[in-house]
Amino acid sequence: MKELVEVVAKALVDNPDEVVVTEKTEGRYTVIELHVAASDMGKVIGKQGRIAKAIRTVVKAASSKDDTRVDVEIV
């Protein structure tokens, strides 16, 4: 899942070198933290959070095969 979020985020931002994705797993629950440059924050979140919601939806759909719960946090 970490790689999926990283690929999507790098495609959206102007500074792909500053994209950092970390993954924390506890049992069947995983938190993926996405760090981007301050100037790219709006591009990752989108108007009214639509892009962020789309990223979370794609990750949730991809994680349903593994029977785990994945949450994406944009930091």
PDB file of N, CA and C in Angstrom:
ATOM      1  N   MET A   1       0.817  -1.191   0.000  1.00  0.00           N
ATOM      2  CA  MET A   1       0.000   0.000   0.000  1.00  0.00           C
ATOM      3  C   MET A   1       0.864   1.261   0.000  1.00  0.00           C
ATOM      4  N   LYS A   2       1.989   1.176   0.684  1.00  0.00           N
ATOM      5  CA  LYS A   2       2.887   2.329   0.779  1.00  0.00           C
ATOM      6  C   LYS A   2       3.326   2.783  -0.611  1.00  0.00           C
ATOM      7  N   GLU A   3       3.666   1.823  -1.467  1.00  0.00           N
ATOM      8  CA  GLU A   3       4.130   2.153  -2.806  1.00  0.00           C
ATOM      9  C   GLU A   3       3.016   2.790  -3.634  1.00  0.00           C
ATOM     10  N   LEU A   4       1.803   2.307  -3.453  1.00  0.00           N
ATOM     11  CA  LEU A   4       0.655   2.856  -4.177  1.00  0.00           C
ATOM     12  C   LEU A   4       0.448   4.336  -3.843  1.00  0.00           C
ATOM     13  N   VAL A   5       0.468   4.665  -2.556  1.00  0.00           N
ATOM     14  CA  VAL A   5       0.287   6.049  -2.126  1.00  0.00           C
ATOM     15  C   VAL A   5       1.433   6.915  -2.639  1.00  0.00           C
ATOM     16  N   GLU A   6       2.644   6.376  -2.614  1.00  0.00           N
ATOM     17  CA  GLU A   6       3.807   7.130  -3.064  1.00  0.00           C
ATOM     18  C   GLU A   6       3.727   7.454  -4.557  1.00  0.00           C
ATOM     19  N   VAL A   7       3.324   6.492  -5.369  1.00  0.00           N
ATOM     20  CA  VAL A   7       3.222   6.702  -6.815  1.00  0.00           C
ATOM     21  C   VAL A   7       2.148   7.743  -7.131  1.00  0.00           C
ATOM     22  N   VAL A   8       1.005   7.644  -6.477  1.00  0.00           N
ATOM     23  CA  VAL A   8      -0.083   8.587  -6.721  1.00  0.00           C
ATOM     24  C   VAL A   8       0.325  10.000  -6.291  1.00  0.00           C
ATOM     25  N   ALA A   9       0.936  10.116  -5.120  1.00  0.00           N
ATOM     26  CA  ALA A   9       1.320  11.430  -4.605  1.00  0.00           C
ATOM     27  C   ALA A   9       2.384  12.084  -5.486  1.00  0.00           C
ATOM     28  N   LYS A  10       3.366  11.313  -5.924  1.00  0.00           N
ATOM     29  CA  LYS A  10       4.422  11.878  -6.767  1.00  0.00           C
ATOM     30  C   LYS A  10       3.881  12.353  -8.109  1.00  0.00           C
ATOM     31  N   ALA A  11       2.816  11.725  -8.584  1.00  0.00           N
ATOM     32  CA  ALA A  11       2.216  12.142  -9.848  1.00  0.00           C
ATOM     33  C   ALA A  11       1.453  13.458  -9.697  1.00  0.00           C
ATOM     34  N   LEU A  12       1.004  13.769  -8.483  1.00  0.00           N
ATOM     35  CA  LEU A  12       0.190  14.965  -8.263  1.00  0.00           C
ATOM     36  C   LEU A  12       0.991  16.230  -7.963  1.00  0.00           C
ATOM     37  N   VAL A  13       2.156  16.099  -7.346  1.00  0.00           N
ATOM     38  CA  VAL A  13       2.863  17.265  -6.807  1.00  0.00           C
ATOM     39  C   VAL A  13       3.904  17.827  -7.779  1.00  0.00           C
ATOM     40  N   ASP A  14       4.354  19.061  -7.482  1.00  0.00           N
ATOM     41  CA  ASP A  14       5.412  19.699  -8.267  1.00  0.00           C
ATOM     42  C   ASP A  14       6.798  19.284  -7.786  1.00  0.00           C
ATOM     43  N   ASN A  15       6.914  18.913  -6.507  1.00  0.00           N
ATOM     44  CA  ASN A  15       8.201  18.519  -5.915  1.00  0.00           C
ATOM     45  C   ASN A  15       8.149  17.049  -5.500  1.00  0.00           C
ATOM     46  N   PRO A  16       8.281  16.123  -6.440  1.00  0.00           N
ATOM     47  CA  PRO A  16       8.168  14.708  -6.079  1.00  0.00           C
ATOM     48  C   PRO A  16       9.298  14.215  -5.179  1.00  0.00           C
ATOM     49  N   ASP A  17      10.418  14.934  -5.138  1.00  0.00           N
ATOM     50  CA  ASP A  17      11.523  14.522  -4.279  1.00  0.00           C
ATOM     51  C   ASP A  17      11.199  14.703  -2.797  1.00  0.00           C
ATOM     52  N   GLU A  18      10.237  15.572  -2.479  1.00  0.00           N
ATOM     53  CA  GLU A  18       9.898  15.843  -1.088  1.00  0.00           C
ATOM     54  C   GLU A  18       8.743  14.986  -0.581  1.00  0.00           C
ATOM     55  N   VAL A  19       8.284  14.034  -1.365  1.00  0.00           N
ATOM     56  CA  VAL A  19       7.213  13.134  -0.936  1.00  0.00           C
ATOM     57  C   VAL A  19       7.821  12.035  -0.084  1.00  0.00           C
ATOM     58  N   VAL A  20       7.303  11.894   1.144  1.00  0.00           N
ATOM     59  CA  VAL A  20       7.758  10.852   2.055  1.00  0.00           C
ATOM     60  C   VAL A  20       6.532  10.102   2.559  1.00  0.00           C
ATOM     61  N   VAL A  21       6.566   8.783   2.434  1.00  0.00           N
ATOM     62  CA  VAL A  21       5.451   7.951   2.873  1.00  0.00           C
ATOM     63  C   VAL A  21       5.976   6.981   3.918  1.00  0.00           C
ATOM     64  N   THR A  22       5.320   6.971   5.091  1.00  0.00           N
ATOM     65  CA  THR A  22       5.683   6.027   6.140  1.00  0.00           C
ATOM     66  C   THR A  22       4.488   5.143   6.439  1.00  0.00           C
ATOM     67  N   GLU A  23       4.781   3.930   6.887  1.00  0.00           N
ATOM     68  CA  GLU A  23       3.732   2.949   7.139  1.00  0.00           C
ATOM     69  C   GLU A  23       3.919   2.373   8.538  1.00  0.00           C
ATOM     70  N   LYS A  24       2.840   2.386   9.325  1.00  0.00           N
ATOM     71  CA  LYS A  24       2.871   1.834  10.683  1.00  0.00           C
ATOM     72  C   LYS A  24       1.789   0.764  10.759  1.00  0.00           C
ATOM     73  N   THR A  25       2.178  -0.450  11.148  1.00  0.00           N
ATOM     74  CA  THR A  25       1.232  -1.558  11.196  1.00  0.00           C
ATOM     75  C   THR A  25       1.093  -2.062  12.623  1.00  0.00           C
ATOM     76  N   GLU A  26      -0.153  -2.249  13.041  1.00  0.00           N
ATOM     77  CA  GLU A  26      -0.462  -2.847  14.336  1.00  0.00           C
ATOM     78  C   GLU A  26      -1.536  -3.905  14.105  1.00  0.00           C
ATOM     79  N   GLY A  27      -1.134  -5.156  14.056  1.00  0.00           N
ATOM     80  CA  GLY A  27      -2.091  -6.227  13.812  1.00  0.00           C
ATOM     81  C   GLY A  27      -2.654  -6.133  12.406  1.00  0.00           C
ATOM     82  N   ARG A  28      -3.983  -6.016  12.290  1.00  0.00           N
ATOM     83  CA  ARG A  28      -4.641  -5.906  10.988  1.00  0.00           C
ATOM     84  C   ARG A  28      -4.960  -4.456  10.642  1.00  0.00           C
ATOM     85  N   TYR A  29      -4.409  -3.498  11.380  1.00  0.00           N
ATOM     86  CA  TYR A  29      -4.664  -2.080  11.152  1.00  0.00           C
ATOM     87  C   TYR A  29      -3.373  -1.401  10.721  1.00  0.00           C
ATOM     88  N   THR A  30      -3.424  -0.659   9.636  1.00  0.00           N
ATOM     89  CA  THR A  30      -2.244   0.012   9.104  1.00  0.00           C
ATOM     90  C   THR A  30      -2.547   1.492   8.897  1.00  0.00           C
ATOM     91  N   VAL A  31      -1.597   2.339   9.304  1.00  0.00           N
ATOM     92  CA  VAL A  31      -1.703   3.777   9.075  1.00  0.00           C
ATOM     93  C   VAL A  31      -0.587   4.177   8.122  1.00  0.00           C
ATOM     94  N   ILE A  32      -0.968   4.817   7.033  1.00  0.00           N
ATOM     95  CA  ILE A  32       0.001   5.312   6.062  1.00  0.00           C
ATOM     96  C   ILE A  32       0.018   6.836   6.167  1.00  0.00           C
ATOM     97  N   GLU A  33       1.190   7.391   6.482  1.00  0.00           N
ATOM     98  CA  GLU A  33       1.334   8.841   6.616  1.00  0.00           C
ATOM     99  C   GLU A  33       2.010   9.386   5.367  1.00  0.00           C
ATOM    100  N   LEU A  34       1.402  10.410   4.786  1.00  0.00           N
ATOM    101  CA  LEU A  34       1.917  11.041   3.582  1.00  0.00           C
ATOM    102  C   LEU A  34       2.405  12.439   3.928  1.00  0.00           C
ATOM    103  N   HIS A  35       3.693  12.684   3.701  1.00  0.00           N
ATOM    104  CA  HIS A  35       4.294  13.997   3.945  1.00  0.00           C
ATOM    105  C   HIS A  35       4.670  14.593   2.593  1.00  0.00           C
ATOM    106  N   VAL A  36       4.212  15.823   2.331  1.00  0.00           N
ATOM    107  CA  VAL A  36       4.558  16.528   1.096  1.00  0.00           C
ATOM    108  C   VAL A  36       5.019  17.931   1.451  1.00  0.00           C
ATOM    109  N   ALA A  37       5.590  18.625   0.468  1.00  0.00           N
ATOM    110  CA  ALA A  37       6.018  20.007   0.674  1.00  0.00           C
ATOM    111  C   ALA A  37       4.796  20.881   0.949  1.00  0.00           C
ATOM    112  N   ALA A  38       4.993  21.940   1.701  1.00  0.00           N
ATOM    113  CA  ALA A  38       3.882  22.831   2.064  1.00  0.00           C
ATOM    114  C   ALA A  38       3.208  23.421   0.824  1.00  0.00           C
ATOM    115  N   SER A  39       3.990  23.694  -0.201  1.00  0.00           N
ATOM    116  CA  SER A  39       3.417  24.276  -1.414  1.00  0.00           C
ATOM    117  C   SER A  39       2.567  23.267  -2.196  1.00  0.00           C
ATOM    118  N   ASP A  40       2.778  21.982  -1.961  1.00  0.00           N
ATOM    119  CA  ASP A  40       2.027  20.938  -2.666  1.00  0.00           C
ATOM    120  C   ASP A  40       0.844  20.402  -1.869  1.00  0.00           C
ATOM    121  N   MET A  41       0.643  20.894  -0.675  1.00  0.00           N
ATOM    122  CA  MET A  41      -0.414  20.370   0.185  1.00  0.00           C
ATOM    123  C   MET A  41      -1.790  20.513  -0.470  1.00  0.00           C
ATOM    124  N   GLY A  42      -2.052  21.633  -1.099  1.00  0.00           N
ATOM    125  CA  GLY A  42      -3.342  21.856  -1.742  1.00  0.00           C
ATOM    126  C   GLY A  42      -3.592  20.913  -2.906  1.00  0.00           C
ATOM    127  N   LYS A  43      -2.536  20.530  -3.599  1.00  0.00           N
ATOM    128  CA  LYS A  43      -2.685  19.617  -4.733  1.00  0.00           C
ATOM    129  C   LYS A  43      -3.027  18.209  -4.274  1.00  0.00           C
ATOM    130  N   VAL A  44      -2.527  17.823  -3.116  1.00  0.00           N
ATOM    131  CA  VAL A  44      -2.795  16.482  -2.599  1.00  0.00           C
ATOM    132  C   VAL A  44      -4.174  16.420  -1.947  1.00  0.00           C
ATOM    133  N   ILE A  45      -4.590  17.508  -1.313  1.00  0.00           N
ATOM    134  CA  ILE A  45      -5.895  17.522  -0.644  1.00  0.00           C
ATOM    135  C   ILE A  45      -7.009  17.795  -1.656  1.00  0.00           C
ATOM    136  N   GLY A  46      -6.816  18.758  -2.532  1.00  0.00           N
ATOM    137  CA  GLY A  46      -7.822  19.072  -3.544  1.00  0.00           C
ATOM    138  C   GLY A  46      -8.941  19.941  -3.000  1.00  0.00           C
ATOM    139  N   LYS A  47      -9.806  20.385  -3.890  1.00  0.00           N
ATOM    140  CA  LYS A  47     -10.939  21.214  -3.482  1.00  0.00           C
ATOM    141  C   LYS A  47     -11.894  20.385  -2.648  1.00  0.00           C
ATOM    142  N   GLN A  48     -12.198  20.885  -1.467  1.00  0.00           N
ATOM    143  CA  GLN A  48     -13.087  20.236  -0.511  1.00  0.00           C
ATOM    144  C   GLN A  48     -12.648  18.812  -0.185  1.00  0.00           C
ATOM    145  N   GLY A  49     -11.343  18.536  -0.325  1.00  0.00           N
ATOM    146  CA  GLY A  49     -10.805  17.238   0.056  1.00  0.00           C
ATOM    147  C   GLY A  49     -11.105  16.118  -0.911  1.00  0.00           C
ATOM    148  N   ARG A  50     -11.455  16.438  -2.122  1.00  0.00           N
ATOM    149  CA  ARG A  50     -11.851  15.406  -3.081  1.00  0.00           C
ATOM    150  C   ARG A  50     -10.706  14.488  -3.482  1.00  0.00           C
ATOM    151  N   ILE A  51      -9.524  15.042  -3.701  1.00  0.00           N
ATOM    152  CA  ILE A  51      -8.391  14.210  -4.107  1.00  0.00           C
ATOM    153  C   ILE A  51      -7.949  13.330  -2.952  1.00  0.00           C
ATOM    154  N   ALA A  52      -7.903  13.887  -1.740  1.00  0.00           N
ATOM    155  CA  ALA A  52      -7.546  13.093  -0.567  1.00  0.00           C
ATOM    156  C   ALA A  52      -8.535  11.950  -0.370  1.00  0.00           C
ATOM    157  N   LYS A  53      -9.804  12.230  -0.558  1.00  0.00           N
ATOM    158  CA  LYS A  53     -10.832  11.193  -0.420  1.00  0.00           C
ATOM    159  C   LYS A  53     -10.657  10.118  -1.491  1.00  0.00           C
ATOM    160  N   ALA A  54     -10.305  10.522  -2.701  1.00  0.00           N
ATOM    161  CA  ALA A  54     -10.084   9.563  -3.787  1.00  0.00           C
ATOM    162  C   ALA A  54      -8.886   8.667  -3.492  1.00  0.00           C
ATOM    163  N   ILE A  55      -7.815   9.248  -2.950  1.00  0.00           N
ATOM    164  CA  ILE A  55      -6.638   8.452  -2.585  1.00  0.00           C
ATOM    165  C   ILE A  55      -7.023   7.429  -1.522  1.00  0.00           C
ATOM    166  N   ARG A  56      -7.765   7.861  -0.521  1.00  0.00           N
ATOM    167  CA  ARG A  56      -8.194   6.941   0.541  1.00  0.00           C
ATOM    168  C   ARG A  56      -9.085   5.831  -0.006  1.00  0.00           C
ATOM    169  N   THR A  57      -9.961   6.164  -0.946  1.00  0.00           N
ATOM    170  CA  THR A  57     -10.852   5.169  -1.538  1.00  0.00           C
ATOM    171  C   THR A  57     -10.069   4.118  -2.320  1.00  0.00           C
ATOM    172  N   VAL A  58      -9.095   4.541  -3.096  1.00  0.00           N
ATOM    173  CA  VAL A  58      -8.279   3.607  -3.872  1.00  0.00           C
ATOM    174  C   VAL A  58      -7.487   2.691  -2.951  1.00  0.00           C
ATOM    175  N   VAL A  59      -6.912   3.253  -1.899  1.00  0.00           N
ATOM    176  CA  VAL A  59      -6.131   2.449  -0.958  1.00  0.00           C
ATOM    177  C   VAL A  59      -7.030   1.469  -0.220  1.00  0.00           C
ATOM    178  N   LYS A  60      -8.215   1.921   0.169  1.00  0.00           N
ATOM    179  CA  LYS A  60      -9.151   1.033   0.863  1.00  0.00           C
ATOM    180  C   LYS A  60      -9.570  -0.124  -0.040  1.00  0.00           C
ATOM    181  N   ALA A  61      -9.813   0.161  -1.318  1.00  0.00           N
ATOM    182  CA  ALA A  61     -10.193  -0.892  -2.255  1.00  0.00           C
ATOM    183  C   ALA A  61      -9.048  -1.881  -2.462  1.00  0.00           C
ATOM    184  N   ALA A  62      -7.828  -1.376  -2.549  1.00  0.00           N
ATOM    185  CA  ALA A  62      -6.672  -2.251  -2.741  1.00  0.00           C
ATOM    186  C   ALA A  62      -6.391  -3.094  -1.505  1.00  0.00           C
ATOM    187  N   SER A  63      -6.687  -2.559  -0.324  1.00  0.00           N
ATOM    188  CA  SER A  63      -6.402  -3.291   0.914  1.00  0.00           C
ATOM    189  C   SER A  63      -7.488  -4.296   1.251  1.00  0.00           C
ATOM    190  N   SER A  64      -8.628  -4.242   0.586  1.00  0.00           N
ATOM    191  CA  SER A  64      -9.707  -5.165   0.901  1.00  0.00           C
ATOM    192  C   SER A  64      -9.329  -6.607   0.550  1.00  0.00           C
ATOM    193  N   LYS A  65      -8.416  -6.794  -0.399  1.00  0.00           N
ATOM    194  CA  LYS A  65      -7.954  -8.140  -0.740  1.00  0.00           C
ATOM    195  C   LYS A  65      -7.160  -8.759   0.404  1.00  0.00           C
ATOM    196  N   ASP A  66      -6.426  -7.935   1.136  1.00  0.00           N
ATOM    197  CA  ASP A  66      -5.564  -8.427   2.211  1.00  0.00           C
ATOM    198  C   ASP A  66      -6.303  -8.581   3.525  1.00  0.00           C
ATOM    199  N   ASP A  67      -7.578  -8.186   3.559  1.00  0.00           N
ATOM    200  CA  ASP A  67      -8.395  -8.254   4.773  1.00  0.00           C
ATOM    201  C   ASP A  67      -7.768  -7.457   5.909  1.00  0.00           C
ATOM    202  N   THR A  68      -7.260  -6.263   5.580  1.00  0.00           N
ATOM    203  CA  THR A  68      -6.704  -5.367   6.588  1.00  0.00           C
ATOM    204  C   THR A  68      -7.384  -4.014   6.461  1.00  0.00           C
ATOM    205  N   ARG A  69      -7.320  -3.227   7.523  1.00  0.00           N
ATOM    206  CA  ARG A  69      -7.878  -1.881   7.502  1.00  0.00           C
ATOM    207  C   ARG A  69      -6.726  -0.900   7.352  1.00  0.00           C
ATOM    208  N   VAL A  70      -6.799  -0.064   6.329  1.00  0.00           N
ATOM    209  CA  VAL A  70      -5.734   0.887   6.034  1.00  0.00           C
ATOM    210  C   VAL A  70      -6.315   2.292   6.079  1.00  0.00           C
ATOM    211  N   ASP A  71      -5.611   3.184   6.780  1.00  0.00           N
ATOM    212  CA  ASP A  71      -6.030   4.585   6.873  1.00  0.00           C
ATOM    213  C   ASP A  71      -4.888   5.450   6.348  1.00  0.00           C
ATOM    214  N   VAL A  72      -5.199   6.437   5.516  1.00  0.00           N
ATOM    215  CA  VAL A  72      -4.191   7.340   4.949  1.00  0.00           C
ATOM    216  C   VAL A  72      -4.326   8.691   5.631  1.00  0.00           C
ATOM    217  N   GLU A  73      -3.238   9.164   6.228  1.00  0.00           N
ATOM    218  CA  GLU A  73      -3.210  10.470   6.879  1.00  0.00           C
ATOM    219  C   GLU A  73      -2.246  11.374   6.105  1.00  0.00           C
ATOM    220  N   ILE A  74      -2.721  12.556   5.772  1.00  0.00           N
ATOM    221  CA  ILE A  74      -1.872  13.536   5.091  1.00  0.00           C
ATOM    222  C   ILE A  74      -1.362  14.502   6.147  1.00  0.00           C
ATOM    223  N   VAL A  75      -0.055  14.484   6.352  1.00  0.00           N
ATOM    224  CA  VAL A  75       0.558  15.259   7.432  1.00  0.00           C
ATOM    225  C   VAL A  75       1.245  16.479   6.851  1.00  0.00           C
TER     226      VAL A  75
END
